[in-house]
């Protein structure tokens, strides 16, 4: 059990690219954290449209092979070295969390509540963002680093085919995670007065 306060976790959660193929906690604990987050993160009308897949080992490796091969087709060869190095770094992590939205659930709500029709896709994205943050922060609390990647929609079709994901699930983000091998880089903040208004 961590002695960190929620604010400590919030402040310490950072984008970490220097990850190893090691973990600080067993897979069962990772899965418990993620399942609890999926269960308890709020959603509009309690629609629970967020979906998650956890990839370890060969499946984790396969995901980043898909990303690498897909980008190789669209990034000019002369510029590919930087992309290749980044993907290799992401693949070198312990596992990946894939975040999806069940568009079928969202569409059903759009039909059921036409007054709010245009809002449901937005609310689904907001709920998914909260889930991403919650999982990221909870993994950080356990000593794991992570980053959030967005190679969708380029990889969507192949990812669905390879991992047997329903066609109605929309890929939102990819979160590679593992034990950090170096601290996060510095972060600059805008003056808080520019971002928070108190009346």
C-alpha atoms as a PDB file:
ATOM      1  CA  UNK A   1       0.000   0.000   0.000  1.00  0.00           C
ATOM      2  CA  UNK A   2       1.391   3.387  -0.999  1.00  0.00           C
ATOM      3  CA  UNK A   3       1.740   6.205   1.529  1.00  0.00           C
ATOM      4  CA  UNK A   4       1.436   8.820  -1.221  1.00  0.00           C
ATOM      5  CA  UNK A   5      -1.485  11.212  -1.120  1.00  0.00           C
ATOM      6  CA  UNK A   6      -3.654  11.588  -4.215  1.00  0.00           C
ATOM      7  CA  UNK A   7      -2.020  14.986  -4.833  1.00  0.00           C
ATOM      8  CA  UNK A   8       1.438  13.376  -4.669  1.00  0.00           C
ATOM      9  CA  UNK A   9       0.340  10.849  -7.278  1.00  0.00           C
ATOM     10  CA  UNK A  10      -1.116  13.632  -9.427  1.00  0.00           C
ATOM     11  CA  UNK A  11       2.137  15.599  -9.277  1.00  0.00           C
ATOM     12  CA  UNK A  12       4.355  12.566  -9.900  1.00  0.00           C
ATOM     13  CA  UNK A  13       2.432  11.186 -12.885  1.00  0.00           C
ATOM     14  CA  UNK A  14       4.524  12.081 -15.881  1.00  0.00           C
ATOM     15  CA  UNK A  15       5.231  10.934 -19.427  1.00  0.00           C
ATOM     16  CA  UNK A  16       8.058   8.404 -19.190  1.00  0.00           C
ATOM     17  CA  UNK A  17       9.649   7.078 -22.380  1.00  0.00           C
ATOM     18  CA  UNK A  18      12.646   5.340 -20.788  1.00  0.00           C
ATOM     19  CA  UNK A  19      10.971   2.119 -19.699  1.00  0.00           C
ATOM     20  CA  UNK A  20      12.294  -1.404 -19.242  1.00  0.00           C
ATOM     21  CA  UNK A  21      10.746  -4.821 -19.762  1.00  0.00           C
ATOM     22  CA  UNK A  22      10.501  -5.113 -15.984  1.00  0.00           C
ATOM     23  CA  UNK A  23       7.595  -4.489 -13.638  1.00  0.00           C
ATOM     24  CA  UNK A  24       7.442  -3.400 -10.010  1.00  0.00           C
ATOM     25  CA  UNK A  25       4.285  -5.411  -9.258  1.00  0.00           C
ATOM     26  CA  UNK A  26       2.849  -8.759 -10.403  1.00  0.00           C
ATOM     27  CA  UNK A  27       0.526  -8.952 -13.411  1.00  0.00           C
ATOM     28  CA  UNK A  28      -2.350  -9.796 -11.085  1.00  0.00           C
ATOM     29  CA  UNK A  29      -1.917  -6.448  -9.317  1.00  0.00           C
ATOM     30  CA  UNK A  30      -1.727  -4.572 -12.634  1.00  0.00           C
ATOM     31  CA  UNK A  31      -4.945  -6.263 -13.735  1.00  0.00           C
ATOM     32  CA  UNK A  32      -6.678  -5.547 -10.413  1.00  0.00           C
ATOM     33  CA  UNK A  33      -5.781  -1.839 -10.684  1.00  0.00           C
ATOM     34  CA  UNK A  34      -7.033  -1.599 -14.255  1.00  0.00           C
ATOM     35  CA  UNK A  35     -10.249  -3.521 -13.596  1.00  0.00           C
ATOM     36  CA  UNK A  36     -11.037  -1.337 -10.582  1.00  0.00           C
ATOM     37  CA  UNK A  37     -10.407   1.824 -12.620  1.00  0.00           C
ATOM     38  CA  UNK A  38     -12.640   0.600 -15.454  1.00  0.00           C
ATOM     39  CA  UNK A  39     -15.349  -0.257 -12.932  1.00  0.00           C
ATOM     40  CA  UNK A  40     -15.271   3.017 -10.980  1.00  0.00           C
ATOM     41  CA  UNK A  41     -14.343   5.825 -13.388  1.00  0.00           C
ATOM     42  CA  UNK A  42     -17.538   7.801 -14.094  1.00  0.00           C
ATOM     43  CA  UNK A  43     -19.336   7.978 -17.430  1.00  0.00           C
ATOM     44  CA  UNK A  44     -22.302  10.019 -18.684  1.00  0.00           C
ATOM     45  CA  UNK A  45     -25.628   8.310 -17.900  1.00  0.00           C
ATOM     46  CA  UNK A  46     -23.466   5.531 -16.408  1.00  0.00           C
ATOM     47  CA  UNK A  47     -23.108   4.237 -19.976  1.00  0.00           C
ATOM     48  CA  UNK A  48     -19.796   2.424 -19.257  1.00  0.00           C
ATOM     49  CA  UNK A  49     -18.745   2.502 -22.922  1.00  0.00           C
ATOM     50  CA  UNK A  50     -14.990   2.426 -22.188  1.00  0.00           C
ATOM     51  CA  UNK A  51     -13.190  -0.820 -23.030  1.00  0.00           C
ATOM     52  CA  UNK A  52      -9.614  -1.839 -22.234  1.00  0.00           C
ATOM     53  CA  UNK A  53      -7.217  -4.543 -23.405  1.00  0.00           C
ATOM     54  CA  UNK A  54      -3.960  -5.344 -21.576  1.00  0.00           C
ATOM     55  CA  UNK A  55      -1.108  -6.752 -23.662  1.00  0.00           C
ATOM     56  CA  UNK A  56       1.919  -8.583 -22.256  1.00  0.00           C
ATOM     57  CA  UNK A  57       4.803 -10.517 -23.782  1.00  0.00           C
ATOM     58  CA  UNK A  58       4.385 -11.549 -27.400  1.00  0.00           C
ATOM     59  CA  UNK A  59       1.091  -9.685 -27.757  1.00  0.00           C
ATOM     60  CA  UNK A  60       2.705  -6.471 -26.501  1.00  0.00           C
ATOM     61  CA  UNK A  61       5.580  -7.033 -28.944  1.00  0.00           C
ATOM     62  CA  UNK A  62       3.145  -7.714 -31.792  1.00  0.00           C
ATOM     63  CA  UNK A  63       1.328  -4.419 -31.223  1.00  0.00           C
ATOM     64  CA  UNK A  64       4.512  -2.395 -31.651  1.00  0.00           C
ATOM     65  CA  UNK A  65       5.484  -4.454 -34.714  1.00  0.00           C
ATOM     66  CA  UNK A  66       2.140  -3.406 -36.211  1.00  0.00           C
ATOM     67  CA  UNK A  67       2.882   0.236 -35.372  1.00  0.00           C
ATOM     68  CA  UNK A  68       6.405  -0.006 -36.813  1.00  0.00           C
ATOM     69  CA  UNK A  69       5.312  -1.678 -40.054  1.00  0.00           C
ATOM     70  CA  UNK A  70       2.388   0.718 -40.501  1.00  0.00           C
ATOM     71  CA  UNK A  71       4.512   3.823 -40.015  1.00  0.00           C
ATOM     72  CA  UNK A  72       7.220   2.463 -42.307  1.00  0.00           C
ATOM     73  CA  UNK A  73       4.659   2.716 -45.126  1.00  0.00           C
ATOM     74  CA  UNK A  74       3.758   6.363 -44.464  1.00  0.00           C
ATOM     75  CA  UNK A  75       6.909   8.028 -43.061  1.00  0.00           C
ATOM     76  CA  UNK A  76       9.543   8.969 -45.681  1.00  0.00           C
ATOM     77  CA  UNK A  77      12.558   6.637 -45.514  1.00  0.00           C
ATOM     78  CA  UNK A  78      14.921   9.548 -44.944  1.00  0.00           C
ATOM     79  CA  UNK A  79      13.014  10.567 -41.814  1.00  0.00           C
ATOM     80  CA  UNK A  80      12.236   7.099 -40.478  1.00  0.00           C
ATOM     81  CA  UNK A  81      15.202   6.640 -38.124  1.00  0.00           C
ATOM     82  CA  UNK A  82      13.738   8.924 -35.443  1.00  0.00           C
ATOM     83  CA  UNK A  83      10.350   7.189 -35.699  1.00  0.00           C
ATOM     84  CA  UNK A  84      11.986   3.754 -35.586  1.00  0.00           C
ATOM     85  CA  UNK A  85      13.959   4.621 -32.457  1.00  0.00           C
ATOM     86  CA  UNK A  86      10.846   5.914 -30.704  1.00  0.00           C
ATOM     87  CA  UNK A  87       8.824   2.788 -31.532  1.00  0.00           C
ATOM     88  CA  UNK A  88      11.678   0.515 -30.420  1.00  0.00           C
ATOM     89  CA  UNK A  89      11.702   2.382 -27.105  1.00  0.00           C
ATOM     90  CA  UNK A  90       7.958   1.911 -26.664  1.00  0.00           C
ATOM     91  CA  UNK A  91       8.244  -1.772 -27.575  1.00  0.00           C
ATOM     92  CA  UNK A  92      10.965  -2.172 -24.950  1.00  0.00           C
ATOM     93  CA  UNK A  93       8.441  -1.576 -22.151  1.00  0.00           C
ATOM     94  CA  UNK A  94       6.740  -4.271 -20.064  1.00  0.00           C
ATOM     95  CA  UNK A  95       3.223  -4.099 -21.472  1.00  0.00           C
ATOM     96  CA  UNK A  96       0.613  -1.924 -23.144  1.00  0.00           C
ATOM     97  CA  UNK A  97      -2.902  -0.872 -22.226  1.00  0.00           C
ATOM     98  CA  UNK A  98      -5.182  -0.280 -25.223  1.00  0.00           C
ATOM     99  CA  UNK A  99      -8.138   2.059 -24.671  1.00  0.00           C
ATOM    100  CA  UNK A 100     -11.331   1.763 -26.720  1.00  0.00           C
ATOM    101  CA  UNK A 101     -14.877   3.108 -26.822  1.00  0.00           C
ATOM    102  CA  UNK A 102     -17.767   0.785 -27.557  1.00  0.00           C
ATOM    103  CA  UNK A 103     -19.398   2.849 -30.300  1.00  0.00           C
ATOM    104  CA  UNK A 104     -22.437   0.553 -30.207  1.00  0.00           C
ATOM    105  CA  UNK A 105     -23.107   1.622 -26.612  1.00  0.00           C
ATOM    106  CA  UNK A 106     -22.637   5.277 -27.508  1.00  0.00           C
ATOM    107  CA  UNK A 107     -24.921   5.007 -30.565  1.00  0.00           C
ATOM    108  CA  UNK A 108     -27.643   3.313 -28.523  1.00  0.00           C
ATOM    109  CA  UNK A 109     -27.633   6.254 -26.118  1.00  0.00           C
ATOM    110  CA  UNK A 110     -27.730   8.702 -29.034  1.00  0.00           C
ATOM    111  CA  UNK A 111     -30.901   7.017 -30.241  1.00  0.00           C
ATOM    112  CA  UNK A 112     -32.425   6.684 -26.778  1.00  0.00           C
ATOM    113  CA  UNK A 113     -31.820  10.321 -25.812  1.00  0.00           C
ATOM    114  CA  UNK A 114     -31.999  12.351 -29.053  1.00  0.00           C
ATOM    115  CA  UNK A 115     -31.933  15.666 -27.169  1.00  0.00           C
ATOM    116  CA  UNK A 116     -28.333  14.919 -26.152  1.00  0.00           C
ATOM    117  CA  UNK A 117     -27.400  13.065 -29.330  1.00  0.00           C
ATOM    118  CA  UNK A 118     -24.437  15.238 -30.315  1.00  0.00           C
ATOM    119  CA  UNK A 119     -22.995  15.147 -26.806  1.00  0.00           C
ATOM    120  CA  UNK A 120     -22.655  11.390 -26.312  1.00  0.00           C
ATOM    121  CA  UNK A 121     -19.505  10.925 -28.451  1.00  0.00           C
ATOM    122  CA  UNK A 122     -17.926  13.881 -26.627  1.00  0.00           C
ATOM    123  CA  UNK A 123     -18.907  12.490 -23.235  1.00  0.00           C
ATOM    124  CA  UNK A 124     -17.528   9.076 -24.207  1.00  0.00           C
ATOM    125  CA  UNK A 125     -14.149  10.665 -25.057  1.00  0.00           C
ATOM    126  CA  UNK A 126     -14.184  12.579 -21.772  1.00  0.00           C
ATOM    127  CA  UNK A 127     -14.880   9.436 -19.772  1.00  0.00           C
ATOM    128  CA  UNK A 128     -12.157   7.586 -21.661  1.00  0.00           C
ATOM    129  CA  UNK A 129      -9.731  10.399 -20.880  1.00  0.00           C
ATOM    130  CA  UNK A 130     -10.570  10.127 -17.186  1.00  0.00           C
ATOM    131  CA  UNK A 131      -9.960   6.377 -17.377  1.00  0.00           C
ATOM    132  CA  UNK A 132      -6.602   6.889 -19.077  1.00  0.00           C
ATOM    133  CA  UNK A 133      -5.561   9.347 -16.388  1.00  0.00           C
ATOM    134  CA  UNK A 134      -6.772   7.120 -13.557  1.00  0.00           C
ATOM    135  CA  UNK A 135      -4.884   4.066 -14.823  1.00  0.00           C
ATOM    136  CA  UNK A 136      -1.779   6.135 -15.544  1.00  0.00           C
ATOM    137  CA  UNK A 137      -1.788   7.640 -12.040  1.00  0.00           C
ATOM    138  CA  UNK A 138      -2.520   4.307 -10.351  1.00  0.00           C
ATOM    139  CA  UNK A 139       0.358   2.630 -12.210  1.00  0.00           C
ATOM    140  CA  UNK A 140       2.653   5.505 -11.208  1.00  0.00           C
ATOM    141  CA  UNK A 141       1.630   4.994  -7.590  1.00  0.00           C
ATOM    142  CA  UNK A 142       3.010   1.442  -7.905  1.00  0.00           C
ATOM    143  CA  UNK A 143       6.335   2.630  -9.324  1.00  0.00           C
ATOM    144  CA  UNK A 144       5.512   2.027 -12.987  1.00  0.00           C
ATOM    145  CA  UNK A 145       6.066   4.646 -15.674  1.00  0.00           C
ATOM    146  CA  UNK A 146       3.948   5.114 -18.788  1.00  0.00           C
ATOM    147  CA  UNK A 147       3.259   7.331 -21.774  1.00  0.00           C
ATOM    148  CA  UNK A 148       0.150   7.891 -23.844  1.00  0.00           C
ATOM    149  CA  UNK A 149       0.362   7.252 -27.598  1.00  0.00           C
ATOM    150  CA  UNK A 150      -2.091   7.798 -30.451  1.00  0.00           C
ATOM    151  CA  UNK A 151      -1.246   5.744 -33.543  1.00  0.00           C
ATOM    152  CA  UNK A 152      -4.922   5.341 -34.307  1.00  0.00           C
ATOM    153  CA  UNK A 153      -6.581   5.356 -36.795  1.00  0.00           C
ATOM    154  CA  UNK A 154      -3.556   4.159 -38.827  1.00  0.00           C
ATOM    155  CA  UNK A 155      -3.296   0.874 -36.926  1.00  0.00           C
ATOM    156  CA  UNK A 156      -6.970   0.288 -36.101  1.00  0.00           C
ATOM    157  CA  UNK A 157      -7.953  -2.354 -38.650  1.00  0.00           C
ATOM    158  CA  UNK A 158      -4.892  -4.551 -38.171  1.00  0.00           C
ATOM    159  CA  UNK A 159      -5.052  -4.277 -34.374  1.00  0.00           C
ATOM    160  CA  UNK A 160      -8.700  -5.396 -34.453  1.00  0.00           C
ATOM    161  CA  UNK A 161      -7.899  -8.302 -36.767  1.00  0.00           C
ATOM    162  CA  UNK A 162      -4.825  -9.517 -34.876  1.00  0.00           C
ATOM    163  CA  UNK A 163      -6.302  -9.278 -31.375  1.00  0.00           C
ATOM    164  CA  UNK A 164      -9.903 -10.248 -32.186  1.00  0.00           C
ATOM    165  CA  UNK A 165     -11.370  -6.916 -31.153  1.00  0.00           C
ATOM    166  CA  UNK A 166     -15.025  -6.214 -32.045  1.00  0.00           C
ATOM    167  CA  UNK A 167     -15.475  -3.935 -35.051  1.00  0.00           C
ATOM    168  CA  UNK A 168     -17.696  -1.670 -32.947  1.00  0.00           C
ATOM    169  CA  UNK A 169     -14.815  -0.787 -30.605  1.00  0.00           C
ATOM    170  CA  UNK A 170     -13.072   2.463 -31.524  1.00  0.00           C
ATOM    171  CA  UNK A 171      -9.371   2.593 -30.613  1.00  0.00           C
ATOM    172  CA  UNK A 172      -8.666   5.751 -28.594  1.00  0.00           C
ATOM    173  CA  UNK A 173      -5.099   5.441 -27.235  1.00  0.00           C
ATOM    174  CA  UNK A 174      -2.185   3.154 -26.429  1.00  0.00           C
ATOM    175  CA  UNK A 175      -0.339   3.251 -23.088  1.00  0.00           C
ATOM    176  CA  UNK A 176       2.982   1.393 -22.909  1.00  0.00           C
ATOM    177  CA  UNK A 177       4.140   0.901 -19.316  1.00  0.00           C
ATOM    178  CA  UNK A 178       7.063  -0.558 -17.415  1.00  0.00           C
ATOM    179  CA  UNK A 179       9.682   0.127 -14.784  1.00  0.00           C
ATOM    180  CA  UNK A 180      11.324   3.519 -15.462  1.00  0.00           C
ATOM    181  CA  UNK A 181      15.037   3.450 -16.224  1.00  0.00           C
ATOM    182  CA  UNK A 182      15.482   7.236 -15.920  1.00  0.00           C
ATOM    183  CA  UNK A 183      13.513  10.060 -14.297  1.00  0.00           C
ATOM    184  CA  UNK A 184      11.085  12.193 -16.260  1.00  0.00           C
ATOM    185  CA  UNK A 185      12.460  15.311 -17.910  1.00  0.00           C
ATOM    186  CA  UNK A 186      11.661  18.757 -16.507  1.00  0.00           C
ATOM    187  CA  UNK A 187       8.243  20.264 -17.019  1.00  0.00           C
ATOM    188  CA  UNK A 188       7.417  23.937 -17.385  1.00  0.00           C
ATOM    189  CA  UNK A 189       4.181  25.467 -16.159  1.00  0.00           C
ATOM    190  CA  UNK A 190       2.330  28.547 -17.335  1.00  0.00           C
ATOM    191  CA  UNK A 191       1.591  31.034 -14.564  1.00  0.00           C
ATOM    192  CA  UNK A 192      -1.408  29.591 -12.752  1.00  0.00           C
ATOM    193  CA  UNK A 193      -3.127  33.005 -12.851  1.00  0.00           C
ATOM    194  CA  UNK A 194      -3.451  32.582 -16.629  1.00  0.00           C
ATOM    195  CA  UNK A 195      -5.307  29.308 -16.181  1.00  0.00           C
ATOM    196  CA  UNK A 196      -7.387  29.713 -13.030  1.00  0.00           C
ATOM    197  CA  UNK A 197      -9.798  32.628 -12.535  1.00  0.00           C
ATOM    198  CA  UNK A 198     -11.101  33.321  -9.057  1.00  0.00           C
ATOM    199  CA  UNK A 199     -14.034  35.712  -8.645  1.00  0.00           C
END
